[in-house]
Amino acid sequence: MLKKLLQHPWAIIITSLVITVVLGFQLRGVEIENNVRIYMPHDSDSYRTMLNTEDTFGSMIGLGVSLETTEKSIVTPENIQIVKNISDRCESIKFIDSVDSLTNIDYIYGENGSLIAGSLLTDSYAGSAEDIKTIKQKIMDWQEMYNRVILTDDGKATQIMLLLSPKDESGNALSEKEQTNALHQVQKICEEEVQGHNLEVRYFGDPVLSDDAHAYMMSDLIVLIPFVVLVVLLSLYFSFHSFAGTVLPLITVLMSTIWATGIMAVLHIKFTIVSSTIPVCLIACGSALCGAG
């Protein structure tokens, strides 16, 4: 059977090219997932305990925003208004369950012998010097509660903490794409609100790690694949000093790489930081085998 098949080389070439083109189109559907949770053993007791804890007590997917000033204090009418605008606008973002910040965090105080949970910013807040003095006094009275939670020790930076829903509308775990979409909306809001003000914005949390990992992975692939192709091309040329010995092994390896990644896309096998090395490894190792053969 194999001998009869080898008697029709053009049929083999055309079939291979057709398969390569078909699987090449599938590369547009490659799914990338760098959520930290995919690296956890999903059948472990610890992972199941974490999910049960989220069902009981709420989300554990945190997204933080830090606003820092070069002035003496972040607690100024102008900065408080910026924090309030960011907090109010972020509450309407899809999949964000709660927002805690300087403008809406609870303040516990006593009145008529009872403890009352109010807000650090009262309804009568108008941004006056007296209002700012009152807020600073409240923070001083409850340093254990507010320092290093929403305010740094030096008072120059404040934190906005957002919690994302652990699940989507269908009850499935919130995907990396949904988390990063929420992150990008938060970043857009923050950039709009701090524009023209002397504030430095930083972001942290699981969605930030996933988004950075995605960006680094894509930049590495864009750089490494052409680089390894060039290195392999030069290696084959200096080894065989012929067109056939240089180009044909490389074509074979590139086709096999397209096949492998295309099949991953068809089977919905997601690319991660680890699996992103597959194309580079296939080109490097495959060319060595082709050259040896």
C-alpha atoms as a PDB file:
ATOM      1  CA  MET A   1       0.000   0.000   0.000  1.00  0.00           C
ATOM      2  CA  LEU A   2       2.774   2.418   0.955  1.00  0.00           C
ATOM      3  CA  LYS A   3       4.731   1.604  -2.233  1.00  0.00           C
ATOM      4  CA  LYS A   4       1.679   2.316  -4.382  1.00  0.00           C
ATOM      5  CA  LEU A   5       1.138   5.586  -2.533  1.00  0.00           C
ATOM      6  CA  LEU A   6       4.741   6.667  -3.094  1.00  0.00           C
ATOM      7  CA  GLN A   7       4.280   6.146  -6.833  1.00  0.00           C
ATOM      8  CA  HIS A   8       2.052   9.268  -6.866  1.00  0.00           C
ATOM      9  CA  PRO A   9       4.239  12.011  -5.409  1.00  0.00           C
ATOM     10  CA  TRP A  10       2.140  14.860  -6.833  1.00  0.00           C
ATOM     11  CA  ALA A  11      -0.976  13.492  -5.176  1.00  0.00           C
ATOM     12  CA  ILE A  12       0.905  13.425  -1.857  1.00  0.00           C
ATOM     13  CA  ILE A  13       2.152  17.002  -2.368  1.00  0.00           C
ATOM     14  CA  ILE A  14      -1.266  18.366  -3.342  1.00  0.00           C
ATOM     15  CA  THR A  15      -2.989  16.570  -0.452  1.00  0.00           C
ATOM     16  CA  SER A  16      -0.396  17.886   1.987  1.00  0.00           C
ATOM     17  CA  LEU A  17      -0.801  21.426   0.695  1.00  0.00           C
ATOM     18  CA  VAL A  18      -4.605  21.226   0.949  1.00  0.00           C
ATOM     19  CA  ILE A  19      -4.381  19.961   4.544  1.00  0.00           C
ATOM     20  CA  THR A  20      -1.883  22.725   5.346  1.00  0.00           C
ATOM     21  CA  VAL A  21      -4.164  25.427   3.926  1.00  0.00           C
ATOM     22  CA  VAL A  22      -7.236  24.074   5.736  1.00  0.00           C
ATOM     23  CA  LEU A  23      -5.451  23.808   9.088  1.00  0.00           C
ATOM     24  CA  GLY A  24      -3.752  27.149   8.469  1.00  0.00           C
ATOM     25  CA  PHE A  25      -7.159  28.854   8.352  1.00  0.00           C
ATOM     26  CA  GLN A  26      -7.962  27.266  11.706  1.00  0.00           C
ATOM     27  CA  LEU A  27      -5.109  29.210  13.315  1.00  0.00           C
ATOM     28  CA  ARG A  28      -7.410  32.217  13.472  1.00  0.00           C
ATOM     29  CA  GLY A  29      -9.409  30.346  16.098  1.00  0.00           C
ATOM     30  CA  VAL A  30      -6.480  29.535  18.383  1.00  0.00           C
ATOM     31  CA  GLU A  31      -7.559  30.126  21.984  1.00  0.00           C
ATOM     32  CA  ILE A  32      -5.070  31.589  24.444  1.00  0.00           C
ATOM     33  CA  GLU A  33      -5.575  31.051  28.174  1.00  0.00           C
ATOM     34  CA  ASN A  34      -3.146  32.256  30.804  1.00  0.00           C
ATOM     35  CA  ASN A  35      -5.461  32.367  33.792  1.00  0.00           C
ATOM     36  CA  VAL A  36      -3.444  31.403  36.860  1.00  0.00           C
ATOM     37  CA  ARG A  37      -6.075  28.827  37.799  1.00  0.00           C
ATOM     38  CA  ILE A  38      -5.461  26.604  34.770  1.00  0.00           C
ATOM     39  CA  TYR A  39      -2.161  25.557  36.332  1.00  0.00           C
ATOM     40  CA  MET A  40      -3.911  24.296  39.469  1.00  0.00           C
ATOM     41  CA  PRO A  41      -4.839  20.580  39.684  1.00  0.00           C
ATOM     42  CA  HIS A  42      -8.608  20.784  39.283  1.00  0.00           C
ATOM     43  CA  ASP A  43      -9.210  17.412  40.921  1.00  0.00           C
ATOM     44  CA  SER A  44      -7.353  18.321  44.107  1.00  0.00           C
ATOM     45  CA  ASP A  45      -9.096  18.933  47.429  1.00  0.00           C
ATOM     46  CA  SER A  46      -7.500  22.387  47.698  1.00  0.00           C
ATOM     47  CA  TYR A  47      -8.952  23.529  44.382  1.00  0.00           C
ATOM     48  CA  ARG A  48     -12.426  22.252  45.234  1.00  0.00           C
ATOM     49  CA  THR A  49     -12.195  23.920  48.636  1.00  0.00           C
ATOM     50  CA  MET A  50     -11.344  27.232  46.954  1.00  0.00           C
ATOM     51  CA  LEU A  51     -14.395  26.956  44.671  1.00  0.00           C
ATOM     52  CA  ASN A  52     -16.639  26.095  47.608  1.00  0.00           C
ATOM     53  CA  THR A  53     -15.245  29.060  49.531  1.00  0.00           C
ATOM     54  CA  GLU A  54     -16.087  31.374  46.624  1.00  0.00           C
ATOM     55  CA  ASP A  55     -19.630  29.995  46.496  1.00  0.00           C
ATOM     56  CA  THR A  56     -20.021  30.672  50.214  1.00  0.00           C
ATOM     57  CA  PHE A  57     -18.167  33.937  50.769  1.00  0.00           C
ATOM     58  CA  GLY A  58     -17.942  35.479  47.295  1.00  0.00           C
ATOM     59  CA  SER A  59     -15.314  36.089  44.639  1.00  0.00           C
ATOM     60  CA  MET A  60     -11.576  35.746  45.228  1.00  0.00           C
ATOM     61  CA  ILE A  61     -10.609  37.252  41.855  1.00  0.00           C
ATOM     62  CA  GLY A  62      -9.214  40.622  42.792  1.00  0.00           C
ATOM     63  CA  LEU A  63      -8.275  43.534  40.553  1.00  0.00           C
ATOM     64  CA  GLY A  64      -6.523  46.436  42.219  1.00  0.00           C
ATOM     65  CA  VAL A  65      -5.907  50.015  41.109  1.00  0.00           C
ATOM     66  CA  SER A  66      -3.334  52.163  42.879  1.00  0.00           C
ATOM     67  CA  LEU A  67      -3.319  55.952  42.538  1.00  0.00           C
ATOM     68  CA  GLU A  68      -0.183  57.743  43.736  1.00  0.00           C
ATOM     69  CA  THR A  69       0.625  61.440  43.935  1.00  0.00           C
ATOM     70  CA  THR A  70       3.888  63.336  44.328  1.00  0.00           C
ATOM     71  CA  GLU A  71       2.174  65.827  46.625  1.00  0.00           C
ATOM     72  CA  LYS A  72       2.077  65.579  50.416  1.00  0.00           C
ATOM     73  CA  SER A  73      -1.234  63.726  50.519  1.00  0.00           C
ATOM     74  CA  ILE A  74      -3.592  61.911  48.173  1.00  0.00           C
ATOM     75  CA  VAL A  75      -6.515  63.069  50.328  1.00  0.00           C
ATOM     76  CA  THR A  76      -7.466  66.264  48.512  1.00  0.00           C
ATOM     77  CA  PRO A  77     -10.855  67.310  47.068  1.00  0.00           C
ATOM     78  CA  GLU A  78      -9.583  66.894  43.526  1.00  0.00           C
ATOM     79  CA  ASN A  79      -8.145  63.412  44.095  1.00  0.00           C
ATOM     80  CA  ILE A  80     -11.152  62.254  46.099  1.00  0.00           C
ATOM     81  CA  GLN A  81     -13.406  63.248  43.192  1.00  0.00           C
ATOM     82  CA  ILE A  82     -11.221  61.246  40.807  1.00  0.00           C
ATOM     83  CA  VAL A  83     -11.412  58.185  43.086  1.00  0.00           C
ATOM     84  CA  LYS A  84     -15.194  58.599  43.331  1.00  0.00           C
ATOM     85  CA  ASN A  85     -15.594  58.891  39.557  1.00  0.00           C
ATOM     86  CA  ILE A  86     -13.487  55.782  38.962  1.00  0.00           C
ATOM     87  CA  SER A  87     -15.357  53.823  41.656  1.00  0.00           C
ATOM     88  CA  ASP A  88     -18.806  54.799  40.374  1.00  0.00           C
ATOM     89  CA  ARG A  89     -17.982  54.051  36.741  1.00  0.00           C
ATOM     90  CA  CYS A  90     -16.298  50.714  37.502  1.00  0.00           C
ATOM     91  CA  GLU A  91     -19.384  49.472  39.356  1.00  0.00           C
ATOM     92  CA  SER A  92     -21.247  49.319  36.024  1.00  0.00           C
ATOM     93  CA  ILE A  93     -18.625  47.119  34.312  1.00  0.00           C
ATOM     94  CA  LYS A  94     -19.795  43.627  33.495  1.00  0.00           C
ATOM     95  CA  PHE A  95     -18.598  40.874  35.889  1.00  0.00           C
ATOM     96  CA  ILE A  96     -17.417  43.336  38.554  1.00  0.00           C
ATOM     97  CA  ASP A  97     -19.222  42.408  41.773  1.00  0.00           C
ATOM     98  CA  SER A  98     -17.962  45.082  44.153  1.00  0.00           C
ATOM     99  CA  VAL A  99     -15.730  48.144  44.381  1.00  0.00           C
ATOM    100  CA  ASP A 100     -14.062  49.294  47.603  1.00  0.00           C
ATOM    101  CA  SER A 101     -12.279  52.621  47.703  1.00  0.00           C
ATOM    102  CA  LEU A 102     -11.630  55.716  49.774  1.00  0.00           C
ATOM    103  CA  THR A 103     -15.022  57.113  48.768  1.00  0.00           C
ATOM    104  CA  ASN A 104     -17.276  54.180  49.655  1.00  0.00           C
ATOM    105  CA  ILE A 105     -15.485  52.131  52.309  1.00  0.00           C
ATOM    106  CA  ASP A 106     -17.298  51.627  55.594  1.00  0.00           C
ATOM    107  CA  TYR A 107     -16.611  53.773  58.652  1.00  0.00           C
ATOM    108  CA  ILE A 108     -17.664  52.438  62.060  1.00  0.00           C
ATOM    109  CA  TYR A 109     -18.597  55.015  64.688  1.00  0.00           C
ATOM    110  CA  GLY A 110     -20.542  55.214  67.896  1.00  0.00           C
ATOM    111  CA  GLU A 111     -23.787  57.120  68.354  1.00  0.00           C
ATOM    112  CA  ASN A 112     -26.160  57.083  71.326  1.00  0.00           C
ATOM    113  CA  GLY A 113     -24.445  54.010  72.728  1.00  0.00           C
ATOM    114  CA  SER A 114     -24.681  52.056  69.447  1.00  0.00           C
ATOM    115  CA  LEU A 115     -22.176  51.139  66.740  1.00  0.00           C
ATOM    116  CA  ILE A 116     -23.147  52.386  63.291  1.00  0.00           C
ATOM    117  CA  ALA A 117     -21.630  51.405  59.956  1.00  0.00           C
ATOM    118  CA  GLY A 118     -21.553  54.502  57.829  1.00  0.00           C
ATOM    119  CA  SER A 119     -19.295  55.762  55.068  1.00  0.00           C
ATOM    120  CA  LEU A 120     -15.953  57.484  55.286  1.00  0.00           C
ATOM    121  CA  LEU A 121     -17.465  60.121  53.016  1.00  0.00           C
ATOM    122  CA  THR A 122     -20.800  61.298  54.352  1.00  0.00           C
ATOM    123  CA  ASP A 123     -23.731  62.391  52.212  1.00  0.00           C
ATOM    124  CA  SER A 124     -23.000  65.987  53.174  1.00  0.00           C
ATOM    125  CA  TYR A 125     -19.458  65.867  51.787  1.00  0.00           C
ATOM    126  CA  ALA A 126     -18.815  68.926  49.594  1.00  0.00           C
ATOM    127  CA  GLY A 127     -15.047  68.935  49.287  1.00  0.00           C
ATOM    128  CA  SER A 128     -14.494  71.797  51.714  1.00  0.00           C
ATOM    129  CA  ALA A 129     -11.389  72.160  53.849  1.00  0.00           C
ATOM    130  CA  GLU A 130     -13.443  71.099  56.864  1.00  0.00           C
ATOM    131  CA  ASP A 131     -14.613  67.956  55.040  1.00  0.00           C
ATOM    132  CA  ILE A 132     -11.025  67.006  54.161  1.00  0.00           C
ATOM    133  CA  LYS A 133      -9.947  67.619  57.746  1.00  0.00           C
ATOM    134  CA  THR A 134     -12.763  65.351  58.978  1.00  0.00           C
ATOM    135  CA  ILE A 135     -11.801  62.554  56.568  1.00  0.00           C
ATOM    136  CA  LYS A 136      -8.151  62.732  57.640  1.00  0.00           C
ATOM    137  CA  GLN A 137      -9.191  62.637  61.278  1.00  0.00           C
ATOM    138  CA  LYS A 138     -11.371  59.569  60.678  1.00  0.00           C
ATOM    139  CA  ILE A 139      -8.430  57.838  58.982  1.00  0.00           C
ATOM    140  CA  MET A 140      -6.157  58.764  61.902  1.00  0.00           C
ATOM    141  CA  ASP A 141      -8.698  57.397  64.388  1.00  0.00           C
ATOM    142  CA  TRP A 142      -8.852  54.066  62.556  1.00  0.00           C
ATOM    143  CA  GLN A 143      -5.319  53.668  61.232  1.00  0.00           C
ATOM    144  CA  GLU A 144      -5.407  49.903  61.797  1.00  0.00           C
ATOM    145  CA  MET A 145      -8.393  49.689  59.468  1.00  0.00           C
ATOM    146  CA  TYR A 146      -7.398  52.054  56.680  1.00  0.00           C
ATOM    147  CA  ASN A 147      -3.592  52.197  56.549  1.00  0.00           C
ATOM    148  CA  ARG A 148      -2.174  49.722  54.014  1.00  0.00           C
ATOM    149  CA  VAL A 149      -5.757  48.870  53.036  1.00  0.00           C
ATOM    150  CA  ILE A 150      -6.940  51.929  51.135  1.00  0.00           C
ATOM    151  CA  LEU A 151      -4.125  54.301  52.085  1.00  0.00           C
ATOM    152  CA  THR A 152      -0.341  53.984  52.354  1.00  0.00           C
ATOM    153  CA  ASP A 153       1.510  54.910  55.527  1.00  0.00           C
ATOM    154  CA  ASP A 154       2.794  58.150  53.999  1.00  0.00           C
ATOM    155  CA  GLY A 155      -0.683  59.067  52.729  1.00  0.00           C
ATOM    156  CA  LYS A 156       0.513  59.569  49.147  1.00  0.00           C
ATOM    157  CA  ALA A 157      -1.261  56.608  47.528  1.00  0.00           C
ATOM    158  CA  THR A 158      -4.701  55.079  47.711  1.00  0.00           C
ATOM    159  CA  GLN A 159      -6.035  51.771  46.493  1.00  0.00           C
ATOM    160  CA  ILE A 160      -9.260  50.860  44.727  1.00  0.00           C
ATOM    161  CA  MET A 161     -10.088  47.165  45.110  1.00  0.00           C
ATOM    162  CA  LEU A 162     -12.454  45.502  42.637  1.00  0.00           C
ATOM    163  CA  LEU A 163     -13.771  41.955  42.957  1.00  0.00           C
ATOM    164  CA  LEU A 164     -14.772  40.085  39.805  1.00  0.00           C
ATOM    165  CA  SER A 165     -17.492  37.492  39.674  1.00  0.00           C
ATOM    166  CA  PRO A 166     -16.002  33.962  39.724  1.00  0.00           C
ATOM    167  CA  LYS A 167     -18.576  32.752  37.163  1.00  0.00           C
ATOM    168  CA  ASP A 168     -20.236  34.012  33.993  1.00  0.00           C
ATOM    169  CA  GLU A 169     -23.957  34.035  33.149  1.00  0.00           C
ATOM    170  CA  SER A 170     -23.873  30.336  32.256  1.00  0.00           C
ATOM    171  CA  GLY A 171     -22.355  29.347  35.590  1.00  0.00           C
ATOM    172  CA  ASN A 172     -18.973  28.556  34.059  1.00  0.00           C
ATOM    173  CA  ALA A 173     -15.723  29.818  35.536  1.00  0.00           C
ATOM    174  CA  LEU A 174     -14.943  33.339  34.369  1.00  0.00           C
ATOM    175  CA  SER A 175     -12.564  33.003  31.426  1.00  0.00           C
ATOM    176  CA  GLU A 176      -9.327  34.890  30.924  1.00  0.00           C
ATOM    177  CA  LYS A 177     -10.893  36.810  28.034  1.00  0.00           C
ATOM    178  CA  GLU A 178     -13.753  38.026  30.211  1.00  0.00           C
ATOM    179  CA  GLN A 179     -11.348  39.005  32.990  1.00  0.00           C
ATOM    180  CA  THR A 180      -9.037  40.928  30.665  1.00  0.00           C
ATOM    181  CA  ASN A 181     -12.018  42.665  29.023  1.00  0.00           C
ATOM    182  CA  ALA A 182     -13.014  43.942  32.465  1.00  0.00           C
ATOM    183  CA  LEU A 183      -9.390  44.966  33.113  1.00  0.00           C
ATOM    184  CA  HIS A 184      -9.173  46.929  29.863  1.00  0.00           C
ATOM    185  CA  GLN A 185     -12.406  48.769  30.670  1.00  0.00           C
ATOM    186  CA  VAL A 186     -11.053  49.667  34.119  1.00  0.00           C
ATOM    187  CA  GLN A 187      -7.788  50.872  32.557  1.00  0.00           C
ATOM    188  CA  LYS A 188      -9.681  53.021  30.064  1.00  0.00           C
ATOM    189  CA  ILE A 189     -11.769  54.602  32.827  1.00  0.00           C
ATOM    190  CA  CYS A 190      -8.700  55.313  34.969  1.00  0.00           C
ATOM    191  CA  GLU A 191      -6.786  56.838  32.064  1.00  0.00           C
ATOM    192  CA  GLU A 192      -9.715  59.126  31.255  1.00  0.00           C
ATOM    193  CA  GLU A 193     -10.190  60.238  34.864  1.00  0.00           C
ATOM    194  CA  VAL A 194      -6.523  60.920  35.719  1.00  0.00           C
ATOM    195  CA  GLN A 195      -5.741  62.651  32.433  1.00  0.00           C
ATOM    196  CA  GLY A 196      -4.284  66.060  33.145  1.00  0.00           C
ATOM    197  CA  HIS A 197      -3.704  65.287  36.823  1.00  0.00           C
ATOM    198  CA  ASN A 198      -0.455  64.553  38.629  1.00  0.00           C
ATOM    199  CA  LEU A 199      -1.338  60.959  39.469  1.00  0.00           C
ATOM    200  CA  GLU A 200       0.441  57.702  38.660  1.00  0.00           C
ATOM    201  CA  VAL A 201      -1.779  54.661  38.129  1.00  0.00           C
ATOM    202  CA  ARG A 202      -0.744  51.048  38.721  1.00  0.00           C
ATOM    203  CA  TYR A 203      -2.764  47.863  38.301  1.00  0.00           C
ATOM    204  CA  PHE A 204      -2.401  44.506  40.036  1.00  0.00           C
ATOM    205  CA  GLY A 205      -4.230  41.209  40.521  1.00  0.00           C
ATOM    206  CA  ASP A 206      -4.911  37.982  38.619  1.00  0.00           C
ATOM    207  CA  PRO A 207      -6.389  39.669  35.494  1.00  0.00           C
ATOM    208  CA  VAL A 208      -3.262  41.821  35.205  1.00  0.00           C
ATOM    209  CA  LEU A 209      -0.998  38.767  35.411  1.00  0.00           C
ATOM    210  CA  SER A 210      -3.055  37.000  32.725  1.00  0.00           C
ATOM    211  CA  ASP A 211      -3.045  40.042  30.445  1.00  0.00           C
ATOM    212  CA  ASP A 212       0.715  40.575  30.817  1.00  0.00           C
ATOM    213  CA  ALA A 213       1.396  36.880  30.226  1.00  0.00           C
ATOM    214  CA  HIS A 214      -0.701  37.022  27.037  1.00  0.00           C
ATOM    215  CA  ALA A 215       1.170  40.103  25.792  1.00  0.00           C
ATOM    216  CA  TYR A 216       4.605  38.633  26.566  1.00  0.00           C
ATOM    217  CA  MET A 217       3.679  35.318  24.983  1.00  0.00           C
ATOM    218  CA  MET A 218       2.522  36.942  21.748  1.00  0.00           C
ATOM    219  CA  SER A 219       5.603  39.182  21.546  1.00  0.00           C
ATOM    220  CA  ASP A 220       7.862  36.170  22.134  1.00  0.00           C
ATOM    221  CA  LEU A 221       6.157  34.177  19.378  1.00  0.00           C
ATOM    222  CA  ILE A 222       6.353  37.096  16.934  1.00  0.00           C
ATOM    223  CA  VAL A 223      10.091  37.428  17.588  1.00  0.00           C
ATOM    224  CA  LEU A 224      11.168  33.826  18.211  1.00  0.00           C
ATOM    225  CA  ILE A 225       9.458  32.061  15.281  1.00  0.00           C
ATOM    226  CA  PRO A 226      11.097  34.210  12.547  1.00  0.00           C
ATOM    227  CA  PHE A 227      14.388  34.104  14.480  1.00  0.00           C
ATOM    228  CA  VAL A 228      14.434  30.307  14.808  1.00  0.00           C
ATOM    229  CA  VAL A 229      13.433  29.951  11.137  1.00  0.00           C
ATOM    230  CA  LEU A 230      16.395  32.136  10.159  1.00  0.00           C
ATOM    231  CA  VAL A 231      18.789  30.181  12.381  1.00  0.00           C
ATOM    232  CA  VAL A 232      17.531  26.844  11.024  1.00  0.00           C
ATOM    233  CA  LEU A 233      17.770  28.133   7.445  1.00  0.00           C
ATOM    234  CA  LEU A 234      21.397  29.166   7.935  1.00  0.00           C
ATOM    235  CA  SER A 235      22.251  25.917   9.705  1.00  0.00           C
ATOM    236  CA  LEU A 236      20.790  23.820   6.910  1.00  0.00           C
ATOM    237  CA  TYR A 237      22.534  25.882   4.250  1.00  0.00           C
ATOM    238  CA  PHE A 238      25.964  25.588   5.863  1.00  0.00           C
ATOM    239  CA  SER A 239      25.362  21.877   6.406  1.00  0.00           C
ATOM    240  CA  PHE A 240      24.187  20.868   2.909  1.00  0.00           C
ATOM    241  CA  HIS A 241      25.170  23.777   0.601  1.00  0.00           C
ATOM    242  CA  SER A 242      22.185  23.060  -1.642  1.00  0.00           C
ATOM    243  CA  PHE A 243      18.742  24.457  -2.281  1.00  0.00           C
ATOM    244  CA  ALA A 244      16.995  21.133  -1.731  1.00  0.00           C
ATOM    245  CA  GLY A 245      18.904  20.408   1.468  1.00  0.00           C
ATOM    246  CA  THR A 246      18.102  23.860   2.822  1.00  0.00           C
ATOM    247  CA  VAL A 247      14.533  24.651   1.798  1.00  0.00           C
ATOM    248  CA  LEU A 248      12.802  21.269   1.628  1.00  0.00           C
ATOM    249  CA  PRO A 249      13.440  20.269   5.279  1.00  0.00           C
ATOM    250  CA  LEU A 250      12.323  23.722   6.427  1.00  0.00           C
ATOM    251  CA  ILE A 251       9.107  23.546   4.356  1.00  0.00           C
ATOM    252  CA  THR A 252       8.352  20.140   5.833  1.00  0.00           C
ATOM    253  CA  VAL A 253       8.883  21.413   9.365  1.00  0.00           C
ATOM    254  CA  LEU A 254       6.772  24.546   8.820  1.00  0.00           C
ATOM    255  CA  MET A 255       3.944  22.435   7.412  1.00  0.00           C
ATOM    256  CA  SER A 256       4.053  20.088  10.396  1.00  0.00           C
ATOM    257  CA  THR A 257       4.016  23.075  12.747  1.00  0.00           C
ATOM    258  CA  ILE A 258       0.914  24.456  11.022  1.00  0.00           C
ATOM    259  CA  TRP A 259      -0.700  21.031  11.235  1.00  0.00           C
ATOM    260  CA  ALA A 260       0.027  20.696  14.962  1.00  0.00           C
ATOM    261  CA  THR A 261      -1.220  24.157  15.934  1.00  0.00           C
ATOM    262  CA  GLY A 262      -4.184  23.901  13.548  1.00  0.00           C
ATOM    263  CA  ILE A 263      -5.274  20.615  15.128  1.00  0.00           C
ATOM    264  CA  MET A 264      -4.978  22.282  18.555  1.00  0.00           C
ATOM    265  CA  ALA A 265      -7.345  25.001  17.345  1.00  0.00           C
ATOM    266  CA  VAL A 266      -9.827  22.458  15.929  1.00  0.00           C
ATOM    267  CA  LEU A 267      -9.816  20.466  19.186  1.00  0.00           C
ATOM    268  CA  HIS A 268     -10.079  23.683  21.256  1.00  0.00           C
ATOM    269  CA  ILE A 269      -6.819  22.962  23.053  1.00  0.00           C
ATOM    270  CA  LYS A 270      -5.851  26.308  24.502  1.00  0.00           C
ATOM    271  CA  PHE A 271      -2.415  27.883  24.216  1.00  0.00           C
ATOM    272  CA  THR A 272      -0.711  28.683  27.512  1.00  0.00           C
ATOM    273  CA  ILE A 273       2.723  30.005  28.414  1.00  0.00           C
ATOM    274  CA  VAL A 274       3.946  26.397  28.380  1.00  0.00           C
ATOM    275  CA  SER A 275       2.316  25.253  25.127  1.00  0.00           C
ATOM    276  CA  SER A 276       3.364  28.449  23.338  1.00  0.00           C
ATOM    277  CA  THR A 277       6.836  26.878  23.033  1.00  0.00           C
ATOM    278  CA  ILE A 278       5.455  24.126  20.780  1.00  0.00           C
ATOM    279  CA  PRO A 279       5.857  25.969  17.426  1.00  0.00           C
ATOM    280  CA  VAL A 280       9.450  26.999  18.194  1.00  0.00           C
ATOM    281  CA  CYS A 281      10.388  23.526  19.464  1.00  0.00           C
ATOM    282  CA  LEU A 282       8.778  21.821  16.463  1.00  0.00           C
ATOM    283  CA  ILE A 283      10.718  23.998  14.021  1.00  0.00           C
ATOM    284  CA  ALA A 284      14.035  23.524  15.844  1.00  0.00           C
ATOM    285  CA  CYS A 285      13.754  19.788  16.583  1.00  0.00           C
ATOM    286  CA  GLY A 286      11.913  18.899  13.368  1.00  0.00           C
ATOM    287  CA  SER A 287      14.549  20.516  11.156  1.00  0.00           C
ATOM    288  CA  ALA A 288      17.257  18.591  12.956  1.00  0.00           C
ATOM    289  CA  LEU A 289      15.440  15.292  12.327  1.00  0.00           C
ATOM    290  CA  CYS A 290      14.772  16.187   8.688  1.00  0.00           C
ATOM    291  CA  GLY A 291      18.388  17.142   8.205  1.00  0.00           C
ATOM    292  CA  ALA A 292      19.574  13.919   9.824  1.00  0.00           C
ATOM    293  CA  GLY A 293      17.186  11.907   7.693  1.00  0.00           C
END
